[in-house]
Amino acid sequence: MTKQVAVVLAGCGVFDGSEIYETTLTLLRLDQLGINYRCFAPDIEQYHVVNHLTQEPVEGESRNVLQESARLARGDIQPLSELESDAFDAVIVPGGFGVAKNLSDFAVETENMQVLDALKDALVGFWKDAKPIGLMCIAPVLVPRLLGDSIAVTVGHDPSVAGAISAMGGLHRSCAVDDIVVDLEHRVVTTPAYMLATRISDAATGIFKLVDRIAEMMD
């Protein structure tokens, strides 16, 4: 039977949603491996809207995370509230500041962050059933709040983010852009992606490794 992977998105665009290249590379690699996927996103308003030309917030504008994520998924997406772990073999969360603004409040609260309840509810089944969980870029900061203490993850080499992960009870491991960190006990795979990448090919190498390892762990 073909494996099924859930991909959780947080909007569309690096500064206020999911990172577009990271998401596209994830979906590409899943497809190359013959793995089916389904995208999900919370049906909530974004924390704010950022002008990606100026990288400044746009006053008076609001956008819906699910509707924006649908741009990345070509409209084939469901609300996060409909994600049932029983229907999937693994879950992957690409990065982008939407993770730190829409799926959590890490961008504002750092180590005092809280994770969106809908995300906790969606991922608890994967965790309880020991199904692989992949996270990239800034998304590994979610792990201590989502899954508990002492789980090894990486965001690359960023000392402030690594420190926040440690302060929340996580274990940060330094990692090159083209590599991954695998916590075999907890079935969690992470890669730095655009926390370190300066070109799309840099990000692709680590992301493909992450997807490949998730595929191996599903067997």
N, C-alpha and C. Protein backbone atom coordinates (compact mmCIF):
# COMPACT_ATOMS: atom_id res chain seq x y z
N MET A 1 0.85 -1.20 0.00
CA MET A 1 0.00 0.00 0.00
C MET A 1 0.88 1.25 0.00
N THR A 2 0.52 2.26 -0.80
CA THR A 2 1.30 3.49 -0.89
C THR A 2 1.26 4.24 0.44
N LYS A 3 2.42 4.72 0.85
CA LYS A 3 2.52 5.48 2.08
C LYS A 3 1.87 6.85 1.91
N GLN A 4 1.38 7.39 3.04
CA GLN A 4 0.70 8.67 3.05
C GLN A 4 1.37 9.60 4.06
N VAL A 5 1.71 10.82 3.63
CA VAL A 5 2.36 11.78 4.52
C VAL A 5 1.52 13.05 4.59
N ALA A 6 1.29 13.54 5.79
CA ALA A 6 0.63 14.82 6.00
C ALA A 6 1.69 15.93 6.03
N VAL A 7 1.42 17.04 5.35
CA VAL A 7 2.32 18.19 5.34
C VAL A 7 1.56 19.38 5.92
N VAL A 8 2.08 19.94 7.01
CA VAL A 8 1.40 21.02 7.71
C VAL A 8 2.00 22.36 7.28
N LEU A 9 1.15 23.24 6.76
CA LEU A 9 1.58 24.55 6.28
C LEU A 9 1.10 25.66 7.21
N ALA A 10 1.72 26.85 7.04
CA ALA A 10 1.45 27.98 7.94
C ALA A 10 1.24 29.27 7.18
N GLY A 11 0.76 29.18 5.94
CA GLY A 11 0.60 30.35 5.11
C GLY A 11 1.45 30.23 3.87
N CYS A 12 1.73 31.36 3.21
CA CYS A 12 2.48 31.33 1.96
C CYS A 12 3.45 32.50 1.90
N GLY A 13 4.74 32.21 2.09
CA GLY A 13 5.76 33.25 2.05
C GLY A 13 6.64 33.21 3.26
N VAL A 14 7.93 33.38 3.06
CA VAL A 14 8.91 33.14 4.12
C VAL A 14 8.69 34.02 5.35
N PHE A 15 8.26 35.27 5.18
CA PHE A 15 8.23 36.20 6.31
C PHE A 15 6.94 36.17 7.11
N ASP A 16 5.88 35.55 6.56
CA ASP A 16 4.63 35.50 7.32
C ASP A 16 3.88 34.18 7.15
N GLY A 17 4.50 33.22 6.47
CA GLY A 17 3.85 31.94 6.23
C GLY A 17 4.85 30.82 6.11
N SER A 18 4.53 29.80 5.33
CA SER A 18 5.47 28.72 5.06
C SER A 18 6.46 29.15 3.99
N GLU A 19 7.70 28.71 4.13
CA GLU A 19 8.74 29.01 3.15
C GLU A 19 8.41 28.25 1.86
N ILE A 20 8.31 28.96 0.76
CA ILE A 20 7.81 28.39 -0.48
C ILE A 20 8.75 27.33 -1.04
N TYR A 21 10.04 27.61 -1.08
CA TYR A 21 10.98 26.63 -1.61
C TYR A 21 11.02 25.37 -0.75
N GLU A 22 11.02 25.55 0.57
CA GLU A 22 11.05 24.38 1.46
C GLU A 22 9.82 23.50 1.25
N THR A 23 8.68 24.14 1.12
CA THR A 23 7.44 23.38 0.90
C THR A 23 7.48 22.67 -0.44
N THR A 24 7.86 23.38 -1.50
CA THR A 24 7.90 22.80 -2.83
C THR A 24 8.89 21.65 -2.91
N LEU A 25 10.07 21.81 -2.33
CA LEU A 25 11.07 20.75 -2.34
C LEU A 25 10.58 19.52 -1.58
N THR A 26 9.87 19.75 -0.49
CA THR A 26 9.31 18.63 0.28
C THR A 26 8.30 17.85 -0.56
N LEU A 27 7.39 18.56 -1.19
CA LEU A 27 6.37 17.90 -2.01
C LEU A 27 7.00 17.22 -3.22
N LEU A 28 8.00 17.87 -3.81
CA LEU A 28 8.69 17.27 -4.95
C LEU A 28 9.34 15.94 -4.57
N ARG A 29 10.06 15.92 -3.45
CA ARG A 29 10.76 14.70 -3.06
C ARG A 29 9.77 13.58 -2.71
N LEU A 30 8.70 13.93 -2.03
CA LEU A 30 7.69 12.92 -1.73
C LEU A 30 7.15 12.31 -3.02
N ASP A 31 6.87 13.16 -4.00
CA ASP A 31 6.34 12.67 -5.27
C ASP A 31 7.38 11.81 -5.99
N GLN A 32 8.64 12.23 -5.97
CA GLN A 32 9.69 11.45 -6.62
C GLN A 32 9.81 10.06 -6.02
N LEU A 33 9.54 9.95 -4.72
CA LEU A 33 9.62 8.67 -4.04
C LEU A 33 8.34 7.85 -4.15
N GLY A 34 7.33 8.40 -4.83
CA GLY A 34 6.07 7.69 -4.98
C GLY A 34 5.23 7.67 -3.73
N ILE A 35 5.42 8.68 -2.86
CA ILE A 35 4.69 8.77 -1.60
C ILE A 35 3.56 9.78 -1.75
N ASN A 36 2.35 9.40 -1.43
CA ASN A 36 1.23 10.32 -1.47
C ASN A 36 1.30 11.31 -0.32
N TYR A 37 0.79 12.50 -0.54
CA TYR A 37 0.78 13.51 0.52
C TYR A 37 -0.52 14.30 0.48
N ARG A 38 -0.83 14.89 1.60
CA ARG A 38 -1.99 15.77 1.74
C ARG A 38 -1.58 16.95 2.60
N CYS A 39 -1.91 18.16 2.16
CA CYS A 39 -1.54 19.37 2.90
C CYS A 39 -2.67 19.81 3.82
N PHE A 40 -2.27 20.37 4.95
CA PHE A 40 -3.20 20.88 5.96
C PHE A 40 -2.68 22.22 6.47
N ALA A 41 -3.60 23.07 6.92
CA ALA A 41 -3.23 24.34 7.53
C ALA A 41 -4.37 24.79 8.44
N PRO A 42 -4.04 25.55 9.48
CA PRO A 42 -5.10 26.02 10.38
C PRO A 42 -5.96 27.09 9.72
N ASP A 43 -7.25 27.03 9.99
CA ASP A 43 -8.21 28.00 9.44
C ASP A 43 -8.31 29.16 10.43
N ILE A 44 -7.25 29.99 10.44
CA ILE A 44 -7.16 31.12 11.35
C ILE A 44 -6.60 32.33 10.61
N GLU A 45 -6.68 33.49 11.21
CA GLU A 45 -6.06 34.68 10.63
C GLU A 45 -4.56 34.67 10.92
N GLN A 46 -3.78 35.16 9.96
CA GLN A 46 -2.34 35.28 10.17
C GLN A 46 -2.04 36.26 11.30
N TYR A 47 -0.86 36.08 11.90
CA TYR A 47 -0.39 37.03 12.92
C TYR A 47 -0.32 38.43 12.32
N HIS A 48 0.25 38.54 11.14
CA HIS A 48 0.23 39.77 10.35
C HIS A 48 0.61 39.44 8.91
N VAL A 49 0.51 40.44 8.04
CA VAL A 49 0.87 40.30 6.63
C VAL A 49 2.13 41.10 6.39
N VAL A 50 3.11 40.49 5.73
CA VAL A 50 4.38 41.15 5.47
C VAL A 50 4.53 41.41 3.97
N ASN A 51 4.92 42.63 3.63
CA ASN A 51 5.29 42.97 2.26
C ASN A 51 6.65 42.34 1.99
N HIS A 52 6.69 41.36 1.11
CA HIS A 52 7.95 40.63 0.90
C HIS A 52 8.97 41.42 0.10
N LEU A 53 8.58 42.56 -0.46
CA LEU A 53 9.55 43.44 -1.10
C LEU A 53 10.33 44.24 -0.06
N THR A 54 9.60 44.77 0.93
CA THR A 54 10.22 45.63 1.95
C THR A 54 10.52 44.87 3.24
N GLN A 55 9.90 43.70 3.40
CA GLN A 55 9.99 42.90 4.62
C GLN A 55 9.39 43.61 5.83
N GLU A 56 8.46 44.52 5.55
CA GLU A 56 7.78 45.27 6.60
C GLU A 56 6.31 44.83 6.68
N PRO A 57 5.73 44.82 7.91
CA PRO A 57 4.31 44.49 8.04
C PRO A 57 3.43 45.50 7.30
N VAL A 58 2.31 45.01 6.78
CA VAL A 58 1.35 45.84 6.07
C VAL A 58 0.23 46.20 7.03
N GLU A 59 0.10 47.45 7.34
CA GLU A 59 -0.92 47.91 8.28
C GLU A 59 -2.31 47.76 7.69
N GLY A 60 -3.23 47.25 8.50
CA GLY A 60 -4.63 47.20 8.10
C GLY A 60 -5.00 46.06 7.17
N GLU A 61 -4.06 45.15 6.91
CA GLU A 61 -4.36 44.01 6.03
C GLU A 61 -4.35 42.72 6.84
N SER A 62 -5.28 41.83 6.54
CA SER A 62 -5.32 40.52 7.20
C SER A 62 -5.53 39.44 6.14
N ARG A 63 -4.99 38.26 6.42
CA ARG A 63 -5.15 37.12 5.52
C ARG A 63 -5.37 35.86 6.34
N ASN A 64 -6.03 34.90 5.73
CA ASN A 64 -6.34 33.64 6.37
C ASN A 64 -5.24 32.62 6.06
N VAL A 65 -4.76 31.93 7.09
CA VAL A 65 -3.65 30.99 6.92
C VAL A 65 -4.01 29.85 5.98
N LEU A 66 -5.22 29.31 6.11
CA LEU A 66 -5.64 28.22 5.25
C LEU A 66 -5.74 28.67 3.79
N GLN A 67 -6.32 29.84 3.57
CA GLN A 67 -6.46 30.35 2.21
C GLN A 67 -5.10 30.64 1.58
N GLU A 68 -4.19 31.20 2.37
CA GLU A 68 -2.85 31.47 1.85
C GLU A 68 -2.09 30.18 1.57
N SER A 69 -2.22 29.21 2.46
CA SER A 69 -1.56 27.91 2.26
C SER A 69 -2.08 27.21 1.01
N ALA A 70 -3.34 27.46 0.67
CA ALA A 70 -3.93 26.86 -0.52
C ALA A 70 -3.20 27.29 -1.78
N ARG A 71 -2.55 28.45 -1.74
CA ARG A 71 -1.75 28.88 -2.88
C ARG A 71 -0.60 27.90 -3.13
N LEU A 72 0.02 27.45 -2.06
CA LEU A 72 1.13 26.50 -2.17
C LEU A 72 0.65 25.12 -2.59
N ALA A 73 -0.53 24.75 -2.14
CA ALA A 73 -1.06 23.40 -2.39
C ALA A 73 -1.93 23.35 -3.65
N ARG A 74 -1.93 24.42 -4.43
CA ARG A 74 -2.76 24.49 -5.64
C ARG A 74 -4.21 24.19 -5.33
N GLY A 75 -4.64 24.64 -4.14
CA GLY A 75 -6.03 24.49 -3.73
C GLY A 75 -6.38 23.16 -3.09
N ASP A 76 -5.46 22.20 -3.15
CA ASP A 76 -5.74 20.86 -2.63
C ASP A 76 -5.25 20.79 -1.18
N ILE A 77 -6.07 21.25 -0.27
CA ILE A 77 -5.67 21.38 1.12
C ILE A 77 -6.90 21.27 2.01
N GLN A 78 -6.68 20.86 3.26
CA GLN A 78 -7.76 20.74 4.22
C GLN A 78 -7.42 21.50 5.50
N PRO A 79 -8.43 21.87 6.28
CA PRO A 79 -8.17 22.50 7.57
C PRO A 79 -7.39 21.57 8.49
N LEU A 80 -6.52 22.13 9.28
CA LEU A 80 -5.72 21.34 10.21
C LEU A 80 -6.59 20.54 11.17
N SER A 81 -7.76 21.05 11.47
CA SER A 81 -8.69 20.36 12.38
C SER A 81 -9.16 19.02 11.81
N GLU A 82 -8.98 18.81 10.51
CA GLU A 82 -9.40 17.57 9.87
C GLU A 82 -8.28 16.55 9.73
N LEU A 83 -7.09 16.88 10.21
CA LEU A 83 -5.96 15.95 10.12
C LEU A 83 -6.13 14.83 11.14
N GLU A 84 -6.26 13.62 10.65
CA GLU A 84 -6.39 12.43 11.49
C GLU A 84 -5.14 11.57 11.30
N SER A 85 -4.37 11.41 12.36
CA SER A 85 -3.10 10.70 12.23
C SER A 85 -3.27 9.26 11.78
N ASP A 86 -4.42 8.66 12.06
CA ASP A 86 -4.65 7.27 11.66
C ASP A 86 -4.60 7.09 10.15
N ALA A 87 -4.82 8.16 9.40
CA ALA A 87 -4.87 8.07 7.95
C ALA A 87 -3.51 8.28 7.30
N PHE A 88 -2.46 8.53 8.13
CA PHE A 88 -1.16 8.87 7.59
C PHE A 88 -0.05 8.08 8.28
N ASP A 89 1.08 7.98 7.58
CA ASP A 89 2.22 7.23 8.09
C ASP A 89 3.29 8.13 8.67
N ALA A 90 3.23 9.43 8.39
CA ALA A 90 4.22 10.39 8.89
C ALA A 90 3.67 11.80 8.68
N VAL A 91 4.35 12.77 9.29
CA VAL A 91 3.97 14.17 9.12
C VAL A 91 5.23 15.00 8.97
N ILE A 92 5.17 16.03 8.12
CA ILE A 92 6.30 16.93 7.90
C ILE A 92 5.82 18.37 8.02
N VAL A 93 6.63 19.20 8.70
CA VAL A 93 6.32 20.63 8.85
C VAL A 93 7.45 21.44 8.24
N PRO A 94 7.26 22.05 7.06
CA PRO A 94 8.27 22.96 6.52
C PRO A 94 8.41 24.20 7.40
N GLY A 95 9.47 24.98 7.13
CA GLY A 95 9.71 26.18 7.93
C GLY A 95 9.08 27.43 7.33
N GLY A 96 9.69 28.56 7.65
CA GLY A 96 9.13 29.87 7.34
C GLY A 96 8.63 30.52 8.61
N PHE A 97 8.60 31.85 8.64
CA PHE A 97 8.21 32.56 9.87
C PHE A 97 6.76 32.32 10.26
N GLY A 98 5.95 31.77 9.36
CA GLY A 98 4.59 31.42 9.75
C GLY A 98 4.56 30.40 10.86
N VAL A 99 5.59 29.55 10.91
CA VAL A 99 5.69 28.58 12.01
C VAL A 99 5.83 29.31 13.34
N ALA A 100 6.60 30.40 13.34
CA ALA A 100 6.88 31.14 14.56
C ALA A 100 5.86 32.24 14.84
N LYS A 101 4.92 32.44 13.90
CA LYS A 101 3.92 33.50 14.07
C LYS A 101 2.49 32.97 14.05
N ASN A 102 2.24 31.92 13.27
CA ASN A 102 0.88 31.40 13.11
C ASN A 102 0.69 30.05 13.80
N LEU A 103 1.68 29.15 13.68
CA LEU A 103 1.58 27.87 14.36
C LEU A 103 2.01 27.96 15.82
N SER A 104 2.67 29.05 16.15
CA SER A 104 3.12 29.30 17.53
C SER A 104 3.32 30.80 17.68
N ASP A 105 3.74 31.21 18.88
CA ASP A 105 4.08 32.62 19.08
C ASP A 105 5.57 32.78 19.39
N PHE A 106 6.40 31.87 18.86
CA PHE A 106 7.83 31.91 19.12
C PHE A 106 8.46 33.23 18.71
N ALA A 107 7.99 33.84 17.63
CA ALA A 107 8.57 35.09 17.14
C ALA A 107 8.47 36.20 18.17
N VAL A 108 7.47 36.11 19.03
CA VAL A 108 7.26 37.14 20.06
C VAL A 108 7.74 36.69 21.43
N GLU A 109 7.47 35.44 21.78
CA GLU A 109 7.69 34.96 23.14
C GLU A 109 8.96 34.12 23.32
N THR A 110 9.63 33.75 22.24
CA THR A 110 10.82 32.88 22.25
C THR A 110 10.61 31.69 23.19
N GLU A 111 11.48 31.53 24.21
CA GLU A 111 11.40 30.32 25.04
C GLU A 111 10.13 30.23 25.88
N ASN A 112 9.35 31.31 25.94
CA ASN A 112 8.06 31.29 26.64
C ASN A 112 6.90 31.01 25.68
N MET A 113 7.22 30.52 24.52
CA MET A 113 6.24 30.32 23.46
C MET A 113 5.16 29.32 23.83
N GLN A 114 4.04 29.44 23.13
CA GLN A 114 2.97 28.46 23.17
C GLN A 114 2.69 28.01 21.74
N VAL A 115 2.29 26.77 21.58
CA VAL A 115 2.00 26.21 20.26
C VAL A 115 0.49 26.20 20.05
N LEU A 116 0.08 26.47 18.83
CA LEU A 116 -1.34 26.45 18.47
C LEU A 116 -1.98 25.13 18.89
N ASP A 117 -3.08 25.22 19.61
CA ASP A 117 -3.75 24.01 20.11
C ASP A 117 -4.11 23.06 18.97
N ALA A 118 -4.53 23.60 17.84
CA ALA A 118 -4.91 22.75 16.70
C ALA A 118 -3.73 21.93 16.21
N LEU A 119 -2.52 22.47 16.30
CA LEU A 119 -1.34 21.73 15.89
C LEU A 119 -1.04 20.62 16.89
N LYS A 120 -1.14 20.93 18.17
CA LYS A 120 -0.95 19.90 19.19
C LYS A 120 -1.94 18.76 19.00
N ASP A 121 -3.18 19.12 18.81
CA ASP A 121 -4.23 18.10 18.64
C ASP A 121 -3.95 17.23 17.42
N ALA A 122 -3.45 17.85 16.36
CA ALA A 122 -3.22 17.11 15.12
C ALA A 122 -2.03 16.17 15.22
N LEU A 123 -0.99 16.59 15.93
CA LEU A 123 0.25 15.81 15.96
C LEU A 123 0.32 14.79 17.09
N VAL A 124 -0.56 14.88 18.07
CA VAL A 124 -0.46 13.98 19.22
C VAL A 124 -0.60 12.51 18.81
N GLY A 125 -1.43 12.24 17.81
CA GLY A 125 -1.61 10.87 17.36
C GLY A 125 -0.36 10.30 16.73
N PHE A 126 0.35 11.12 15.93
CA PHE A 126 1.61 10.68 15.34
C PHE A 126 2.61 10.33 16.43
N TRP A 127 2.65 11.17 17.44
CA TRP A 127 3.59 10.99 18.55
C TRP A 127 3.27 9.71 19.33
N LYS A 128 2.04 9.53 19.66
CA LYS A 128 1.65 8.36 20.45
C LYS A 128 1.87 7.06 19.69
N ASP A 129 1.71 7.11 18.37
CA ASP A 129 1.86 5.91 17.56
C ASP A 129 3.27 5.73 17.00
N ALA A 130 4.21 6.57 17.46
CA ALA A 130 5.62 6.48 17.04
C ALA A 130 5.77 6.59 15.52
N LYS A 131 4.95 7.43 14.91
CA LYS A 131 5.08 7.68 13.47
C LYS A 131 6.08 8.81 13.25
N PRO A 132 6.90 8.74 12.21
CA PRO A 132 7.95 9.73 12.00
C PRO A 132 7.41 11.15 11.85
N ILE A 133 8.15 12.09 12.42
CA ILE A 133 7.80 13.51 12.36
C ILE A 133 9.02 14.27 11.85
N GLY A 134 8.86 14.99 10.74
CA GLY A 134 9.94 15.78 10.17
C GLY A 134 9.67 17.27 10.28
N LEU A 135 10.70 18.03 10.64
CA LEU A 135 10.57 19.48 10.75
C LEU A 135 11.82 20.13 10.19
N MET A 136 11.66 21.29 9.56
CA MET A 136 12.82 21.95 8.95
C MET A 136 12.83 23.44 9.23
N CYS A 137 14.00 24.04 9.04
CA CYS A 137 14.20 25.47 9.23
C CYS A 137 13.91 25.84 10.68
N ILE A 138 12.98 26.75 10.93
CA ILE A 138 12.65 27.19 12.30
C ILE A 138 11.69 26.24 12.99
N ALA A 139 11.04 25.34 12.24
CA ALA A 139 10.00 24.47 12.81
C ALA A 139 10.49 23.59 13.97
N PRO A 140 11.77 23.18 14.03
CA PRO A 140 12.20 22.37 15.18
C PRO A 140 12.04 23.04 16.54
N VAL A 141 11.86 24.37 16.59
CA VAL A 141 11.63 25.01 17.89
C VAL A 141 10.33 24.55 18.51
N LEU A 142 9.42 24.00 17.70
CA LEU A 142 8.14 23.53 18.23
C LEU A 142 8.28 22.27 19.07
N VAL A 143 9.34 21.51 18.85
CA VAL A 143 9.43 20.16 19.41
C VAL A 143 9.31 20.10 20.93
N PRO A 144 10.03 20.93 21.70
CA PRO A 144 9.90 20.81 23.17
C PRO A 144 8.47 21.04 23.66
N ARG A 145 7.75 21.96 23.03
CA ARG A 145 6.37 22.23 23.45
C ARG A 145 5.38 21.20 22.91
N LEU A 146 5.67 20.67 21.73
CA LEU A 146 4.77 19.69 21.12
C LEU A 146 4.96 18.29 21.67
N LEU A 147 6.24 17.88 21.81
CA LEU A 147 6.54 16.47 22.03
C LEU A 147 7.23 16.19 23.36
N GLY A 148 7.76 17.21 24.02
CA GLY A 148 8.39 16.97 25.31
C GLY A 148 9.88 17.26 25.31
N ASP A 149 10.51 17.03 26.45
CA ASP A 149 11.91 17.37 26.67
C ASP A 149 12.85 16.33 26.08
N SER A 150 14.11 16.75 25.97
CA SER A 150 15.23 15.85 25.67
C SER A 150 15.12 15.15 24.32
N ILE A 151 14.58 15.86 23.34
CA ILE A 151 14.52 15.34 21.97
C ILE A 151 15.51 16.14 21.13
N ALA A 152 16.43 15.46 20.46
CA ALA A 152 17.47 16.12 19.69
C ALA A 152 16.92 16.69 18.38
N VAL A 153 17.19 17.97 18.15
CA VAL A 153 16.77 18.65 16.92
C VAL A 153 17.87 19.61 16.48
N THR A 154 17.70 20.19 15.30
CA THR A 154 18.65 21.19 14.83
C THR A 154 17.95 22.33 14.11
N VAL A 155 18.51 23.52 14.24
CA VAL A 155 18.18 24.65 13.37
C VAL A 155 19.45 25.16 12.69
N GLY A 156 20.51 24.35 12.76
CA GLY A 156 21.79 24.74 12.17
C GLY A 156 22.78 25.16 13.23
N HIS A 157 23.11 26.48 13.25
CA HIS A 157 24.10 26.97 14.19
C HIS A 157 23.65 28.23 14.95
N ASP A 158 22.42 28.66 14.76
CA ASP A 158 21.96 29.92 15.34
C ASP A 158 21.97 29.84 16.87
N PRO A 159 22.83 30.63 17.54
CA PRO A 159 22.96 30.48 19.00
C PRO A 159 21.72 30.92 19.77
N SER A 160 21.01 31.95 19.30
CA SER A 160 19.84 32.42 20.04
C SER A 160 18.69 31.42 19.97
N VAL A 161 18.45 30.87 18.78
CA VAL A 161 17.37 29.89 18.64
C VAL A 161 17.75 28.59 19.35
N ALA A 162 19.01 28.18 19.20
CA ALA A 162 19.48 26.99 19.90
C ALA A 162 19.33 27.15 21.41
N GLY A 163 19.64 28.35 21.89
CA GLY A 163 19.49 28.62 23.32
C GLY A 163 18.05 28.55 23.78
N ALA A 164 17.14 29.04 22.95
CA ALA A 164 15.72 28.98 23.29
C ALA A 164 15.24 27.53 23.34
N ILE A 165 15.69 26.71 22.40
CA ILE A 165 15.33 25.29 22.40
C ILE A 165 15.82 24.63 23.69
N SER A 166 17.05 24.92 24.07
CA SER A 166 17.60 24.36 25.31
C SER A 166 16.83 24.84 26.53
N ALA A 167 16.45 26.13 26.53
CA ALA A 167 15.71 26.69 27.66
C ALA A 167 14.34 26.04 27.83
N MET A 168 13.78 25.52 26.73
CA MET A 168 12.49 24.85 26.79
C MET A 168 12.61 23.37 27.10
N GLY A 169 13.85 22.90 27.28
CA GLY A 169 14.06 21.49 27.61
C GLY A 169 14.47 20.62 26.44
N GLY A 170 14.66 21.23 25.27
CA GLY A 170 15.08 20.47 24.10
C GLY A 170 16.58 20.27 24.05
N LEU A 171 17.02 19.46 23.12
CA LEU A 171 18.44 19.22 22.89
C LEU A 171 18.79 19.69 21.49
N HIS A 172 19.58 20.75 21.39
CA HIS A 172 19.96 21.24 20.07
C HIS A 172 21.29 20.65 19.64
N ARG A 173 21.34 20.22 18.37
CA ARG A 173 22.57 19.70 17.79
C ARG A 173 22.96 20.57 16.59
N SER A 174 24.19 21.04 16.56
CA SER A 174 24.66 21.80 15.40
C SER A 174 24.66 20.90 14.17
N CYS A 175 24.40 21.51 13.01
CA CYS A 175 24.23 20.71 11.80
C CYS A 175 24.51 21.58 10.58
N ALA A 176 25.17 21.02 9.58
CA ALA A 176 25.39 21.71 8.31
C ALA A 176 24.11 21.77 7.50
N VAL A 177 24.05 22.69 6.56
CA VAL A 177 22.84 22.90 5.77
C VAL A 177 22.46 21.67 4.96
N ASP A 178 23.45 20.85 4.60
CA ASP A 178 23.17 19.70 3.75
C ASP A 178 23.00 18.41 4.53
N ASP A 179 22.74 18.52 5.83
CA ASP A 179 22.65 17.33 6.65
C ASP A 179 21.37 17.35 7.49
N ILE A 180 21.16 16.28 8.25
CA ILE A 180 19.98 16.15 9.10
C ILE A 180 20.39 15.67 10.48
N VAL A 181 19.52 15.88 11.44
CA VAL A 181 19.66 15.30 12.78
C VAL A 181 18.49 14.37 12.99
N VAL A 182 18.80 13.14 13.39
CA VAL A 182 17.77 12.12 13.58
C VAL A 182 17.76 11.68 15.04
N ASP A 183 16.63 11.84 15.70
CA ASP A 183 16.43 11.28 17.03
C ASP A 183 15.66 9.98 16.84
N LEU A 184 16.40 8.89 16.79
CA LEU A 184 15.79 7.59 16.49
C LEU A 184 14.80 7.15 17.55
N GLU A 185 15.12 7.43 18.81
CA GLU A 185 14.22 7.02 19.89
C GLU A 185 12.86 7.67 19.77
N HIS A 186 12.87 8.96 19.43
CA HIS A 186 11.61 9.69 19.39
C HIS A 186 11.04 9.84 17.97
N ARG A 187 11.78 9.32 16.98
CA ARG A 187 11.29 9.30 15.60
C ARG A 187 11.10 10.70 15.03
N VAL A 188 12.06 11.59 15.33
CA VAL A 188 12.01 12.97 14.88
C VAL A 188 13.22 13.26 14.00
N VAL A 189 12.98 13.86 12.83
CA VAL A 189 14.05 14.20 11.89
C VAL A 189 13.98 15.70 11.60
N THR A 190 15.14 16.38 11.67
CA THR A 190 15.16 17.83 11.44
C THR A 190 16.33 18.20 10.54
N THR A 191 16.22 19.34 9.86
CA THR A 191 17.29 19.86 9.01
C THR A 191 17.23 21.39 9.00
N PRO A 192 18.37 22.08 8.85
CA PRO A 192 18.38 23.55 8.95
C PRO A 192 17.68 24.28 7.80
N ALA A 193 17.75 23.72 6.57
CA ALA A 193 17.16 24.37 5.40
C ALA A 193 17.55 25.86 5.36
N TYR A 194 16.56 26.76 5.25
CA TYR A 194 16.90 28.18 5.08
C TYR A 194 17.30 28.90 6.36
N MET A 195 17.48 28.19 7.44
CA MET A 195 18.18 28.79 8.58
C MET A 195 19.66 28.98 8.22
N LEU A 196 20.13 28.20 7.25
CA LEU A 196 21.52 28.30 6.79
C LEU A 196 21.65 28.47 5.28
N ALA A 197 20.72 27.96 4.52
CA ALA A 197 20.86 27.93 3.06
C ALA A 197 20.98 29.33 2.47
N THR A 198 21.83 29.48 1.49
CA THR A 198 21.97 30.73 0.74
C THR A 198 21.52 30.57 -0.71
N ARG A 199 21.19 29.32 -1.09
CA ARG A 199 20.70 29.04 -2.44
C ARG A 199 19.79 27.82 -2.36
N ILE A 200 18.91 27.70 -3.33
CA ILE A 200 17.90 26.65 -3.27
C ILE A 200 18.53 25.26 -3.29
N SER A 201 19.64 25.10 -3.97
CA SER A 201 20.29 23.79 -4.02
C SER A 201 20.83 23.38 -2.65
N ASP A 202 21.28 24.36 -1.86
CA ASP A 202 21.71 24.07 -0.49
C ASP A 202 20.55 23.49 0.32
N ALA A 203 19.42 24.17 0.25
CA ALA A 203 18.24 23.72 1.00
C ALA A 203 17.77 22.36 0.51
N ALA A 204 17.85 22.14 -0.80
CA ALA A 204 17.33 20.90 -1.38
C ALA A 204 18.06 19.67 -0.85
N THR A 205 19.36 19.77 -0.69
CA THR A 205 20.14 18.61 -0.25
C THR A 205 19.67 18.12 1.11
N GLY A 206 19.55 19.03 2.08
CA GLY A 206 19.11 18.64 3.42
C GLY A 206 17.66 18.22 3.46
N ILE A 207 16.81 18.90 2.71
CA ILE A 207 15.39 18.56 2.69
C ILE A 207 15.17 17.18 2.07
N PHE A 208 15.86 16.90 0.98
CA PHE A 208 15.74 15.58 0.37
C PHE A 208 16.22 14.49 1.33
N LYS A 209 17.31 14.76 2.07
CA LYS A 209 17.78 13.79 3.06
C LYS A 209 16.72 13.55 4.13
N LEU A 210 16.08 14.64 4.57
CA LEU A 210 15.03 14.50 5.59
C LEU A 210 13.88 13.64 5.06
N VAL A 211 13.41 13.93 3.87
CA VAL A 211 12.29 13.17 3.31
C VAL A 211 12.70 11.71 3.09
N ASP A 212 13.91 11.51 2.62
CA ASP A 212 14.39 10.14 2.40
C ASP A 212 14.42 9.36 3.72
N ARG A 213 14.88 10.00 4.80
CA ARG A 213 14.94 9.32 6.08
C ARG A 213 13.54 9.04 6.62
N ILE A 214 12.64 10.00 6.45
CA ILE A 214 11.26 9.76 6.86
C ILE A 214 10.69 8.56 6.10
N ALA A 215 10.99 8.46 4.81
CA ALA A 215 10.51 7.35 4.01
C ALA A 215 11.07 6.02 4.54
N GLU A 216 12.34 6.02 4.90
CA GLU A 216 12.95 4.79 5.46
C GLU A 216 12.29 4.41 6.77
N MET A 217 11.98 5.38 7.59
CA MET A 217 11.40 5.12 8.90
C MET A 217 9.95 4.65 8.81
N MET A 218 9.30 4.92 7.69
CA MET A 218 7.92 4.45 7.51
C MET A 218 7.87 2.99 7.11
N ASP A 219 8.97 2.44 6.61
CA ASP A 219 8.98 1.04 6.16
C ASP A 219 8.87 0.06 7.31
